[in-house]
Amino acid sequence: MAICLSHGGRTIFRTPEAPTEVLVATAGGLYSLRRQGQDTAWQVADRYLEGRHVNAIIIEPASGAIFAGMHNGGVAVSEDGGRSWEYRSAGLASENVYSLNYQPGMASPVVFAGTEPANIHRSRDLGRSWELLPTLREVPSVPRWTFPGPPHIAHVKDIVFDPGRPQTVYASVEQGGLLKSEDSGDTWREVRGWMELSGFYNDDPHRLIIRPDDSDEMFLPTGFGLYRSHDGGETWETSWEGKGFGIGYPDLLVYHPDHEDLMFIAGGEANPGDWLKDKGAWSKVARSRDGGDNWELLPLGRDERLQANFEAMSMAAWDGGYELFIGNTAGEVYSSSDEGETWVRMAEGLPAVSKGDHYRMLHYAARD
């Protein structure tokens, strides 16, 4: 049983048993970590798409096809468990792919891809052809879309579907805003309650987390802190802002699929604009056991300062157990099966697990 660990792909998995394979997206290819059983050590078993910067991975459940979205490489698909790959980018407006997701509850597979420049594409034939969904770029905020780093072009960082209404899809545009479609991507609108929060234009959503037992309950890590909505995104409240909590740049957020009150979040002390000055990201992991009302820092990143940034986190749960996985820009992958109290280093020395050029920025920060 395989799950994925990537920045811009699926992150929460309900599996029939403990996973024996984790597919890890890195700046130097897609790595397969495997183990014989739950109590055995993980080993690097295979490497695919060597030399490609893989940012997003999904496994489409109906077909079993593995999709890999790459920076300046488009989309590659394997229909035989990774043994062979085919590049399938026909119809993509850009081959700089940041995010992937599949639409649940469909009669046949439907896959979405987000790119830089910020666009959404849809495929109904396992990526052999892609359809551009142009109305994403017809919302009023488009002239303000940008990104701090060169070439200052916004991208679709994350795509998520409402678990109770799979025709409803959200796109996090970095930096542009949170967008919503209620017709499977045919038309889009801005989530104004978010974008007008607290009287300022908040344009830096990272990923939207929707609770399956109540889809009006939403969490949104952003470049300005963590935010929460109780009414489907019409209004938002601040969970924390800035550096006071220790995670000033929250990015990764997952919950236990069988116990949604158990949540984990990770990110750097400050936003990437400060990493060179601070000589690192100094990332941390935090846990909530009450559905996000209260958070506590966990040992990973709390008890020792970690210069690298955590850029991918996944949760797998099965009857009688669960495991949390996290990877960073130093090419390290960790796992925990006790709510983050202790961690096992599954792999080290891999290429960076990194969104975009974050790993290069942190390399220069450490060198200076």
Foldseek 3Di string as FASTA:
>chain_A
DEDEWAQAEDFEAEDAFDDQWYWYFFQFFIWIWGDPDDPGAIDTDDTAPGNWRWHYWDQFPVQRKIWTQTAQQAIWIDSPNRPDIDHQHAAPPGSGWQHKYWQPPDPATKIWTKGPLGWIWIDRPRRNHIHTQPQVCVEPQNVVQFAPDPPGHKIFNYKDAQLVQSLKIWTQIAFGAIWIDNHNRNHIYGLVQVLCAPNHGRGFWQYKDAQNVQRQWIWTFGLFAIWIGNGNSNHIDGLDGAQPQPARRKHDKDAHNVQRQWIKIKHFSHDLVCLLVVLARLMWMWIGNGNSNDIDTECVSPVDGDRWIWNTKHKYDHVPFIKIWIFTQQAWIWMDTPSRNDIDTNDGPHHGSDDDCSSVSSVNSNVD
